[in-house]
Amino acid sequence: MTNNDAHTAESADEVIYEVRGHAAFIRINRPERRNALATSTVEAISSCFLRAADDDDVWAIVLTGTGDKAFCAGGDLKEMDDTARSGAQIHMPMTGPSRNMFEIILETYKPTIAAVNGAALAGGCELLLACDVRIAVDDVQIGLPEAKRGMGANFASVVLARMIPRAIAMEMLYTGKSIGALEARDLGLINRVVPRKDFDAAVQAFVDEITVNAPVSLRRYKEMAAKGWELPVAAALRLNAGPNPYLSEDRVEGVRAFVEKRPPVWKNR
């Protein structure tokens, strides 16, 4: 896309990819399965994030689900049971020739927004954790019930305790109990909680607040934050990861627009 107002959409059976303005919207489209993650769904989500990452006209990425019941209910347990009954082994995290979906999202160097329209459970909760910021409907439940199913929550077992107090994270993992959106906000897992009737408008407003800013700066923030997460401060400050906004045309434009009292026109370079 090269037109700021262009609107494109690509629909598959399980995941819908749509670009509005400078934001890509990725929607899990399996409401009859509570937007559960079949193997093909995982591949489609990964492909969509890679596509958005490569599109210079996309400055932010929104991940959401179809319907009002579930953002994502996690792995497709029916598919897992069918696989087990056939005598085959389910896919093991961080194995095989393809990159892990959560890792792809975490390492997409553009702002990623989880728009949590319904329950975010198991792998659905991990999708939420992989995104940078999160906005949720006020009645949703968020949880990691993997221990109740003999699963492992591989991604959440690593990152959750880095995001909220360790004791709370371990309680969520050990008990498998869910928490509400307001409690998740109080813990810092959710940025904004809104009534369902206001959700779509609130998501768009959140996206607009982000994409009105210089895309070079946004990419720089994401890459610096991601690559410097566990580094000592002195090392992280010297990373110089991502595009350099200080030497960019957008920096020149941003300063000039301020002096001239007009909105900036970003070139993403």
C-alpha atoms as a PDB file:
ATOM      1  CA  MET A   1       0.000   0.000   0.000  1.00  0.00           C
ATOM      2  CA  THR A   2       1.182   3.500  -0.790  1.00  0.00           C
ATOM      3  CA  ASN A   3      -1.942   5.569  -0.125  1.00  0.00           C
ATOM      4  CA  ASN A   4      -2.500   6.680   3.464  1.00  0.00           C
ATOM      5  CA  ASP A   5      -6.245   6.250   3.098  1.00  0.00           C
ATOM      6  CA  ALA A   6      -6.074   2.927   1.287  1.00  0.00           C
ATOM      7  CA  HIS A   7      -8.139   0.093   2.622  1.00  0.00           C
ATOM      8  CA  THR A   8      -7.284  -3.491   1.773  1.00  0.00           C
ATOM      9  CA  ALA A   9      -8.578  -6.750   3.094  1.00  0.00           C
ATOM     10  CA  GLU A  10      -7.623 -10.341   2.642  1.00  0.00           C
ATOM     11  CA  SER A  11      -9.838 -13.019   4.092  1.00  0.00           C
ATOM     12  CA  ALA A  12      -8.944 -16.625   4.777  1.00  0.00           C
ATOM     13  CA  ASP A  13     -11.103 -19.178   6.521  1.00  0.00           C
ATOM     14  CA  GLU A  14      -9.351 -18.822   9.868  1.00  0.00           C
ATOM     15  CA  VAL A  15      -7.576 -15.450   9.954  1.00  0.00           C
ATOM     16  CA  ILE A  16      -8.544 -12.131   8.368  1.00  0.00           C
ATOM     17  CA  TYR A  17      -5.898  -9.561   7.450  1.00  0.00           C
ATOM     18  CA  GLU A  18      -7.012  -5.992   6.847  1.00  0.00           C
ATOM     19  CA  VAL A  19      -5.179  -2.672   6.542  1.00  0.00           C
ATOM     20  CA  ARG A  20      -6.872   0.546   7.619  1.00  0.00           C
ATOM     21  CA  GLY A  21      -4.829   3.683   7.225  1.00  0.00           C
ATOM     22  CA  HIS A  22      -1.454   2.837   8.751  1.00  0.00           C
ATOM     23  CA  ALA A  23      -2.605  -0.098  10.908  1.00  0.00           C
ATOM     24  CA  ALA A  24      -2.886  -3.784  10.063  1.00  0.00           C
ATOM     25  CA  PHE A  25      -5.762  -5.592  11.785  1.00  0.00           C
ATOM     26  CA  ILE A  26      -5.287  -9.343  12.223  1.00  0.00           C
ATOM     27  CA  ARG A  27      -8.445 -11.134  13.337  1.00  0.00           C
ATOM     28  CA  ILE A  28      -8.715 -14.769  14.393  1.00  0.00           C
ATOM     29  CA  ASN A  29     -11.880 -15.912  12.668  1.00  0.00           C
ATOM     30  CA  ARG A  30     -12.989 -19.195  14.282  1.00  0.00           C
ATOM     31  CA  PRO A  31     -15.863 -18.093  16.525  1.00  0.00           C
ATOM     32  CA  GLU A  32     -17.458 -21.546  16.374  1.00  0.00           C
ATOM     33  CA  ARG A  33     -14.287 -22.873  18.089  1.00  0.00           C
ATOM     34  CA  ARG A  34     -13.924 -19.833  20.392  1.00  0.00           C
ATOM     35  CA  ASN A  35     -11.105 -18.677  18.102  1.00  0.00           C
ATOM     36  CA  ALA A  36      -8.972 -21.632  19.194  1.00  0.00           C
ATOM     37  CA  LEU A  37      -5.544 -22.120  17.648  1.00  0.00           C
ATOM     38  CA  ALA A  38      -5.444 -24.990  15.200  1.00  0.00           C
ATOM     39  CA  THR A  39      -2.072 -25.688  13.593  1.00  0.00           C
ATOM     40  CA  SER A  40      -3.213 -23.899  10.440  1.00  0.00           C
ATOM     41  CA  THR A  41      -4.401 -20.914  12.514  1.00  0.00           C
ATOM     42  CA  VAL A  42      -0.976 -20.539  14.102  1.00  0.00           C
ATOM     43  CA  GLU A  43       0.638 -20.612  10.666  1.00  0.00           C
ATOM     44  CA  ALA A  44      -1.801 -18.003   9.350  1.00  0.00           C
ATOM     45  CA  ILE A  45      -1.276 -15.636  12.304  1.00  0.00           C
ATOM     46  CA  SER A  46       2.503 -15.941  11.927  1.00  0.00           C
ATOM     47  CA  SER A  47       2.244 -15.233   8.206  1.00  0.00           C
ATOM     48  CA  CYS A  48       0.087 -12.152   8.835  1.00  0.00           C
ATOM     49  CA  PHE A  49       2.540 -10.688  11.338  1.00  0.00           C
ATOM     50  CA  LEU A  50       5.442 -11.260   8.961  1.00  0.00           C
ATOM     51  CA  ARG A  51       3.459  -9.592   6.179  1.00  0.00           C
ATOM     52  CA  ALA A  52       2.669  -6.569   8.348  1.00  0.00           C
ATOM     53  CA  ALA A  53       6.289  -6.328   9.481  1.00  0.00           C
ATOM     54  CA  ASP A  54       7.439  -6.118   5.853  1.00  0.00           C
ATOM     55  CA  ASP A  55       4.903  -3.448   4.823  1.00  0.00           C
ATOM     56  CA  ASP A  56       6.409   0.030   5.178  1.00  0.00           C
ATOM     57  CA  ASP A  57       2.927   1.569   5.123  1.00  0.00           C
ATOM     58  CA  VAL A  58       1.920  -0.400   8.232  1.00  0.00           C
ATOM     59  CA  TRP A  59       3.010   1.450  11.364  1.00  0.00           C
ATOM     60  CA  ALA A  60       1.123  -0.580  13.991  1.00  0.00           C
ATOM     61  CA  ILE A  61      -0.540  -4.009  14.218  1.00  0.00           C
ATOM     62  CA  VAL A  62      -3.761  -4.952  16.007  1.00  0.00           C
ATOM     63  CA  LEU A  63      -4.578  -8.560  16.962  1.00  0.00           C
ATOM     64  CA  THR A  64      -8.168  -9.429  17.868  1.00  0.00           C
ATOM     65  CA  GLY A  65     -10.812 -12.144  17.513  1.00  0.00           C
ATOM     66  CA  THR A  66     -14.189 -12.522  15.842  1.00  0.00           C
ATOM     67  CA  GLY A  67     -17.302 -12.327  18.015  1.00  0.00           C
ATOM     68  CA  ASP A  68     -17.842 -11.413  21.659  1.00  0.00           C
ATOM     69  CA  LYS A  69     -17.202 -14.757  23.376  1.00  0.00           C
ATOM     70  CA  ALA A  70     -13.465 -15.201  22.959  1.00  0.00           C
ATOM     71  CA  PHE A  71     -10.356 -13.335  21.917  1.00  0.00           C
ATOM     72  CA  CYS A  72      -8.729 -16.743  21.738  1.00  0.00           C
ATOM     73  CA  ALA A  73      -9.370 -19.875  23.814  1.00  0.00           C
ATOM     74  CA  GLY A  74      -5.872 -21.258  23.277  1.00  0.00           C
ATOM     75  CA  GLY A  75      -4.854 -24.384  21.441  1.00  0.00           C
ATOM     76  CA  ASP A  76      -7.528 -26.396  19.668  1.00  0.00           C
ATOM     77  CA  LEU A  77      -7.996 -29.268  22.125  1.00  0.00           C
ATOM     78  CA  LYS A  78     -10.144 -31.235  19.704  1.00  0.00           C
ATOM     79  CA  GLU A  79      -7.342 -31.152  17.138  1.00  0.00           C
ATOM     80  CA  MET A  80      -4.863 -32.196  19.843  1.00  0.00           C
ATOM     81  CA  ASP A  81      -7.082 -35.109  20.880  1.00  0.00           C
ATOM     82  CA  ASP A  82      -7.528 -36.215  17.274  1.00  0.00           C
ATOM     83  CA  THR A  83      -3.743 -36.095  16.831  1.00  0.00           C
ATOM     84  CA  ALA A  84      -3.188 -38.175  19.954  1.00  0.00           C
ATOM     85  CA  ARG A  85      -5.820 -40.726  18.909  1.00  0.00           C
ATOM     86  CA  SER A  86      -4.066 -41.123  15.569  1.00  0.00           C
ATOM     87  CA  GLY A  87      -0.867 -42.065  17.396  1.00  0.00           C
ATOM     88  CA  ALA A  88       0.990 -38.897  16.356  1.00  0.00           C
ATOM     89  CA  GLN A  89       2.681 -36.351  18.621  1.00  0.00           C
ATOM     90  CA  ILE A  90       1.491 -32.750  18.897  1.00  0.00           C
ATOM     91  CA  HIS A  91       3.958 -30.014  17.980  1.00  0.00           C
ATOM     92  CA  MET A  92       6.471 -29.187  20.712  1.00  0.00           C
ATOM     93  CA  PRO A  93       7.180 -25.511  21.440  1.00  0.00           C
ATOM     94  CA  MET A  94      10.395 -24.089  19.982  1.00  0.00           C
ATOM     95  CA  THR A  95      11.016 -27.124  17.745  1.00  0.00           C
ATOM     96  CA  GLY A  96      10.782 -27.723  14.011  1.00  0.00           C
ATOM     97  CA  PRO A  97      11.820 -25.619  11.009  1.00  0.00           C
ATOM     98  CA  SER A  98       9.429 -22.712  11.601  1.00  0.00           C
ATOM     99  CA  ARG A  99       9.768 -19.852  14.079  1.00  0.00           C
ATOM    100  CA  ASN A 100       7.506 -19.849  17.118  1.00  0.00           C
ATOM    101  CA  MET A 101       4.384 -17.686  16.688  1.00  0.00           C
ATOM    102  CA  PHE A 102       4.793 -15.907  20.037  1.00  0.00           C
ATOM    103  CA  GLU A 103       8.427 -15.185  19.249  1.00  0.00           C
ATOM    104  CA  ILE A 104       7.454 -13.734  15.857  1.00  0.00           C
ATOM    105  CA  ILE A 105       4.970 -11.365  17.508  1.00  0.00           C
ATOM    106  CA  LEU A 106       7.422 -10.416  20.251  1.00  0.00           C
ATOM    107  CA  GLU A 107      10.104  -9.684  17.643  1.00  0.00           C
ATOM    108  CA  THR A 108       7.876  -7.737  15.241  1.00  0.00           C
ATOM    109  CA  TYR A 109       9.547  -4.340  15.447  1.00  0.00           C
ATOM    110  CA  LYS A 110       6.382  -2.268  15.177  1.00  0.00           C
ATOM    111  CA  PRO A 111       3.843  -1.483  17.916  1.00  0.00           C
ATOM    112  CA  THR A 112       1.550  -4.469  18.511  1.00  0.00           C
ATOM    113  CA  ILE A 113      -1.846  -4.047  20.166  1.00  0.00           C
ATOM    114  CA  ALA A 114      -3.994  -6.857  21.578  1.00  0.00           C
ATOM    115  CA  ALA A 115      -7.663  -5.875  21.267  1.00  0.00           C
ATOM    116  CA  VAL A 116      -9.173  -8.356  23.711  1.00  0.00           C
ATOM    117  CA  ASN A 117     -12.797  -8.766  22.660  1.00  0.00           C
ATOM    118  CA  GLY A 118     -13.520 -11.856  24.781  1.00  0.00           C
ATOM    119  CA  ALA A 119     -11.916 -14.520  26.941  1.00  0.00           C
ATOM    120  CA  ALA A 120      -8.139 -14.838  26.535  1.00  0.00           C
ATOM    121  CA  LEU A 121      -7.181 -18.251  27.835  1.00  0.00           C
ATOM    122  CA  ALA A 122      -4.111 -20.481  27.585  1.00  0.00           C
ATOM    123  CA  GLY A 123      -2.468 -19.731  24.215  1.00  0.00           C
ATOM    124  CA  GLY A 124      -4.906 -16.834  23.886  1.00  0.00           C
ATOM    125  CA  CYS A 125      -3.481 -15.305  27.041  1.00  0.00           C
ATOM    126  CA  GLU A 126      -0.005 -15.900  25.654  1.00  0.00           C
ATOM    127  CA  LEU A 127      -0.959 -14.029  22.477  1.00  0.00           C
ATOM    128  CA  LEU A 128      -1.976 -11.119  24.676  1.00  0.00           C
ATOM    129  CA  LEU A 129       1.349 -11.293  26.532  1.00  0.00           C
ATOM    130  CA  ALA A 130       3.298 -11.263  23.262  1.00  0.00           C
ATOM    131  CA  CYS A 131       1.780  -7.908  22.258  1.00  0.00           C
ATOM    132  CA  ASP A 132       3.151  -4.582  23.492  1.00  0.00           C
ATOM    133  CA  VAL A 133      -0.070  -2.997  24.743  1.00  0.00           C
ATOM    134  CA  ARG A 134      -3.569  -4.327  25.434  1.00  0.00           C
ATOM    135  CA  ILE A 135      -7.089  -2.980  25.477  1.00  0.00           C
ATOM    136  CA  ALA A 136      -9.932  -5.175  26.719  1.00  0.00           C
ATOM    137  CA  VAL A 137     -13.691  -5.309  27.151  1.00  0.00           C
ATOM    138  CA  ASP A 138     -14.529  -4.912  30.843  1.00  0.00           C
ATOM    139  CA  ASP A 139     -16.148  -8.360  31.266  1.00  0.00           C
ATOM    140  CA  VAL A 140     -13.437 -10.584  29.759  1.00  0.00           C
ATOM    141  CA  GLN A 141     -11.562 -13.305  31.632  1.00  0.00           C
ATOM    142  CA  ILE A 142      -7.825 -13.871  31.260  1.00  0.00           C
ATOM    143  CA  GLY A 143      -6.075 -17.007  32.419  1.00  0.00           C
ATOM    144  CA  LEU A 144      -3.646 -19.863  31.939  1.00  0.00           C
ATOM    145  CA  PRO A 145      -5.498 -23.151  32.599  1.00  0.00           C
ATOM    146  CA  GLU A 146      -2.782 -25.345  31.056  1.00  0.00           C
ATOM    147  CA  ALA A 147      -2.021 -27.115  34.345  1.00  0.00           C
ATOM    148  CA  LYS A 148      -5.624 -28.377  34.337  1.00  0.00           C
ATOM    149  CA  ARG A 149      -5.005 -30.002  30.933  1.00  0.00           C
ATOM    150  CA  GLY A 150      -1.491 -31.328  31.446  1.00  0.00           C
ATOM    151  CA  MET A 151      -0.019 -28.672  29.179  1.00  0.00           C
ATOM    152  CA  GLY A 152       2.974 -26.376  29.716  1.00  0.00           C
ATOM    153  CA  ALA A 153       2.241 -22.680  28.877  1.00  0.00           C
ATOM    154  CA  ASN A 154       5.782 -22.518  27.549  1.00  0.00           C
ATOM    155  CA  PHE A 155       5.730 -18.822  26.595  1.00  0.00           C
ATOM    156  CA  ALA A 156       3.798 -17.582  29.634  1.00  0.00           C
ATOM    157  CA  SER A 157       5.957 -19.565  32.048  1.00  0.00           C
ATOM    158  CA  VAL A 158       8.899 -17.466  30.858  1.00  0.00           C
ATOM    159  CA  VAL A 159       7.439 -13.982  30.310  1.00  0.00           C
ATOM    160  CA  LEU A 160       4.561 -13.610  32.785  1.00  0.00           C
ATOM    161  CA  ALA A 161       6.787 -13.308  35.859  1.00  0.00           C
ATOM    162  CA  ARG A 162       8.765 -10.613  34.029  1.00  0.00           C
ATOM    163  CA  MET A 163       5.596  -8.544  33.603  1.00  0.00           C
ATOM    164  CA  ILE A 164       3.797  -8.810  36.949  1.00  0.00           C
ATOM    165  CA  PRO A 165       4.885  -9.702  40.505  1.00  0.00           C
ATOM    166  CA  ARG A 166       6.389 -13.188  40.511  1.00  0.00           C
ATOM    167  CA  ALA A 167       4.114 -14.549  43.235  1.00  0.00           C
ATOM    168  CA  ILE A 168       0.989 -13.476  41.327  1.00  0.00           C
ATOM    169  CA  ALA A 169       2.355 -14.925  38.092  1.00  0.00           C
ATOM    170  CA  MET A 170       3.142 -18.253  39.745  1.00  0.00           C
ATOM    171  CA  GLU A 171      -0.302 -18.378  41.356  1.00  0.00           C
ATOM    172  CA  MET A 172      -1.930 -17.905  37.948  1.00  0.00           C
ATOM    173  CA  LEU A 173       0.210 -20.693  36.487  1.00  0.00           C
ATOM    174  CA  TYR A 174      -0.099 -23.109  39.421  1.00  0.00           C
ATOM    175  CA  THR A 175      -3.851 -22.767  39.977  1.00  0.00           C
ATOM    176  CA  GLY A 176      -4.991 -22.188  36.405  1.00  0.00           C
ATOM    177  CA  LYS A 177      -7.534 -19.674  37.698  1.00  0.00           C
ATOM    178  CA  SER A 178      -8.621 -16.756  35.536  1.00  0.00           C
ATOM    179  CA  ILE A 179      -8.714 -13.085  36.465  1.00  0.00           C
ATOM    180  CA  GLY A 180     -11.026 -10.342  35.217  1.00  0.00           C
ATOM    181  CA  ALA A 181     -10.061  -7.415  33.023  1.00  0.00           C
ATOM    182  CA  LEU A 182     -10.096  -4.900  35.884  1.00  0.00           C
ATOM    183  CA  GLU A 183      -7.778  -7.039  38.024  1.00  0.00           C
ATOM    184  CA  ALA A 184      -5.518  -7.550  35.011  1.00  0.00           C
ATOM    185  CA  ARG A 185      -5.397  -3.776  34.555  1.00  0.00           C
ATOM    186  CA  ASP A 186      -4.485  -3.294  38.207  1.00  0.00           C
ATOM    187  CA  LEU A 187      -1.622  -5.773  37.738  1.00  0.00           C
ATOM    188  CA  GLY A 188      -0.378  -3.923  34.662  1.00  0.00           C
ATOM    189  CA  LEU A 189      -1.314  -6.687  32.184  1.00  0.00           C
ATOM    190  CA  ILE A 190      -4.013  -4.564  30.520  1.00  0.00           C
ATOM    191  CA  ASN A 191      -3.596  -0.899  29.600  1.00  0.00           C
ATOM    192  CA  ARG A 192      -7.226   0.087  29.047  1.00  0.00           C
ATOM    193  CA  VAL A 193     -10.585  -1.463  29.981  1.00  0.00           C
ATOM    194  CA  VAL A 194     -13.747  -0.267  28.231  1.00  0.00           C
ATOM    195  CA  PRO A 195     -17.437  -1.242  28.028  1.00  0.00           C
ATOM    196  CA  ARG A 196     -18.289  -3.547  25.145  1.00  0.00           C
ATOM    197  CA  LYS A 197     -20.461  -0.926  23.440  1.00  0.00           C
ATOM    198  CA  ASP A 198     -17.444   1.394  23.227  1.00  0.00           C
ATOM    199  CA  PHE A 199     -14.858  -1.248  22.348  1.00  0.00           C
ATOM    200  CA  ASP A 200     -14.454  -0.801  18.581  1.00  0.00           C
ATOM    201  CA  ALA A 201     -14.240   2.991  18.845  1.00  0.00           C
ATOM    202  CA  ALA A 202     -11.815   2.752  21.765  1.00  0.00           C
ATOM    203  CA  VAL A 203      -9.554   0.365  19.866  1.00  0.00           C
ATOM    204  CA  GLN A 204      -9.471   2.689  16.865  1.00  0.00           C
ATOM    205  CA  ALA A 205      -8.766   5.682  19.114  1.00  0.00           C
ATOM    206  CA  PHE A 206      -5.873   3.785  20.749  1.00  0.00           C
ATOM    207  CA  VAL A 207      -4.468   2.913  17.318  1.00  0.00           C
ATOM    208  CA  ASP A 208      -4.808   6.526  16.173  1.00  0.00           C
ATOM    209  CA  GLU A 209      -2.978   7.804  19.268  1.00  0.00           C
ATOM    210  CA  ILE A 210      -0.036   5.611  18.276  1.00  0.00           C
ATOM    211  CA  THR A 211       0.040   5.962  14.498  1.00  0.00           C
ATOM    212  CA  VAL A 212      -0.177   9.766  14.576  1.00  0.00           C
ATOM    213  CA  ASN A 213       3.444   9.654  15.746  1.00  0.00           C
ATOM    214  CA  ALA A 214       6.634   9.227  13.728  1.00  0.00           C
ATOM    215  CA  PRO A 215       6.912   5.619  12.508  1.00  0.00           C
ATOM    216  CA  VAL A 216      10.699   5.785  12.716  1.00  0.00           C
ATOM    217  CA  SER A 217      10.416   6.605  16.428  1.00  0.00           C
ATOM    218  CA  LEU A 218       7.861   3.842  16.981  1.00  0.00           C
ATOM    219  CA  ARG A 219      10.096   1.226  15.370  1.00  0.00           C
ATOM    220  CA  ARG A 220      13.079   2.492  17.351  1.00  0.00           C
ATOM    221  CA  TYR A 221      11.181   2.245  20.661  1.00  0.00           C
ATOM    222  CA  LYS A 222      10.047  -1.292  19.912  1.00  0.00           C
ATOM    223  CA  GLU A 223      13.434  -2.605  18.879  1.00  0.00           C
ATOM    224  CA  MET A 224      15.301  -0.921  21.734  1.00  0.00           C
ATOM    225  CA  ALA A 225      12.773  -2.142  24.312  1.00  0.00           C
ATOM    226  CA  ALA A 226      12.740  -5.693  22.934  1.00  0.00           C
ATOM    227  CA  LYS A 227      16.486  -6.127  22.557  1.00  0.00           C
ATOM    228  CA  GLY A 228      17.345  -4.290  25.762  1.00  0.00           C
ATOM    229  CA  TRP A 229      14.751  -6.021  27.985  1.00  0.00           C
ATOM    230  CA  GLU A 230      17.154  -8.106  30.058  1.00  0.00           C
ATOM    231  CA  LEU A 231      20.378  -6.196  29.418  1.00  0.00           C
ATOM    232  CA  PRO A 232      22.145  -4.070  32.037  1.00  0.00           C
ATOM    233  CA  VAL A 233      21.197  -0.408  31.615  1.00  0.00           C
ATOM    234  CA  ALA A 234      24.674   0.624  30.479  1.00  0.00           C
ATOM    235  CA  ALA A 235      24.674  -2.026  27.735  1.00  0.00           C
ATOM    236  CA  ALA A 236      21.092  -1.319  26.646  1.00  0.00           C
ATOM    237  CA  LEU A 237      21.778   2.415  26.289  1.00  0.00           C
ATOM    238  CA  ARG A 238      24.521   1.597  23.781  1.00  0.00           C
ATOM    239  CA  LEU A 239      22.488  -0.811  21.639  1.00  0.00           C
ATOM    240  CA  ASN A 240      21.522   1.728  18.986  1.00  0.00           C
ATOM    241  CA  ALA A 241      19.014  -0.846  17.698  1.00  0.00           C
ATOM    242  CA  GLY A 242      16.499  -0.109  14.974  1.00  0.00           C
ATOM    243  CA  PRO A 243      16.249   2.973  12.760  1.00  0.00           C
ATOM    244  CA  ASN A 244      18.048   6.039  14.068  1.00  0.00           C
ATOM    245  CA  PRO A 245      15.460   8.820  14.538  1.00  0.00           C
ATOM    246  CA  TYR A 246      18.114  11.398  15.367  1.00  0.00           C
ATOM    247  CA  LEU A 247      19.432  11.260  11.787  1.00  0.00           C
ATOM    248  CA  SER A 248      16.059  10.769  10.092  1.00  0.00           C
ATOM    249  CA  GLU A 249      14.023  12.954   7.744  1.00  0.00           C
ATOM    250  CA  ASP A 250      11.095  12.476  10.126  1.00  0.00           C
ATOM    251  CA  ARG A 251      13.059  14.157  12.926  1.00  0.00           C
ATOM    252  CA  VAL A 252      13.646  17.179  10.682  1.00  0.00           C
ATOM    253  CA  GLU A 253       9.953  17.208   9.724  1.00  0.00           C
ATOM    254  CA  GLY A 254       8.733  16.811  13.320  1.00  0.00           C
ATOM    255  CA  VAL A 255      10.757  19.768  14.575  1.00  0.00           C
ATOM    256  CA  ARG A 256       9.836  21.933  11.603  1.00  0.00           C
ATOM    257  CA  ALA A 257       6.128  21.104  11.918  1.00  0.00           C
ATOM    258  CA  PHE A 258       6.230  22.118  15.592  1.00  0.00           C
ATOM    259  CA  VAL A 259       7.919  25.433  14.771  1.00  0.00           C
ATOM    260  CA  GLU A 260       5.449  26.093  11.955  1.00  0.00           C
ATOM    261  CA  LYS A 261       2.489  25.068  14.141  1.00  0.00           C
ATOM    262  CA  ARG A 262       1.138  22.414  11.764  1.00  0.00           C
ATOM    263  CA  PRO A 263       0.684  18.627  11.812  1.00  0.00           C
ATOM    264  CA  PRO A 264       3.794  16.726  10.673  1.00  0.00           C
ATOM    265  CA  VAL A 265       3.811  14.729   7.451  1.00  0.00           C
ATOM    266  CA  TRP A 266       5.813  11.596   8.176  1.00  0.00           C
ATOM    267  CA  LYS A 267       7.849   9.855   5.458  1.00  0.00           C
ATOM    268  CA  ASN A 268       8.957   6.853   7.542  1.00  0.00           C
ATOM    269  CA  ARG A 269      12.592   7.540   6.831  1.00  0.00           C
END
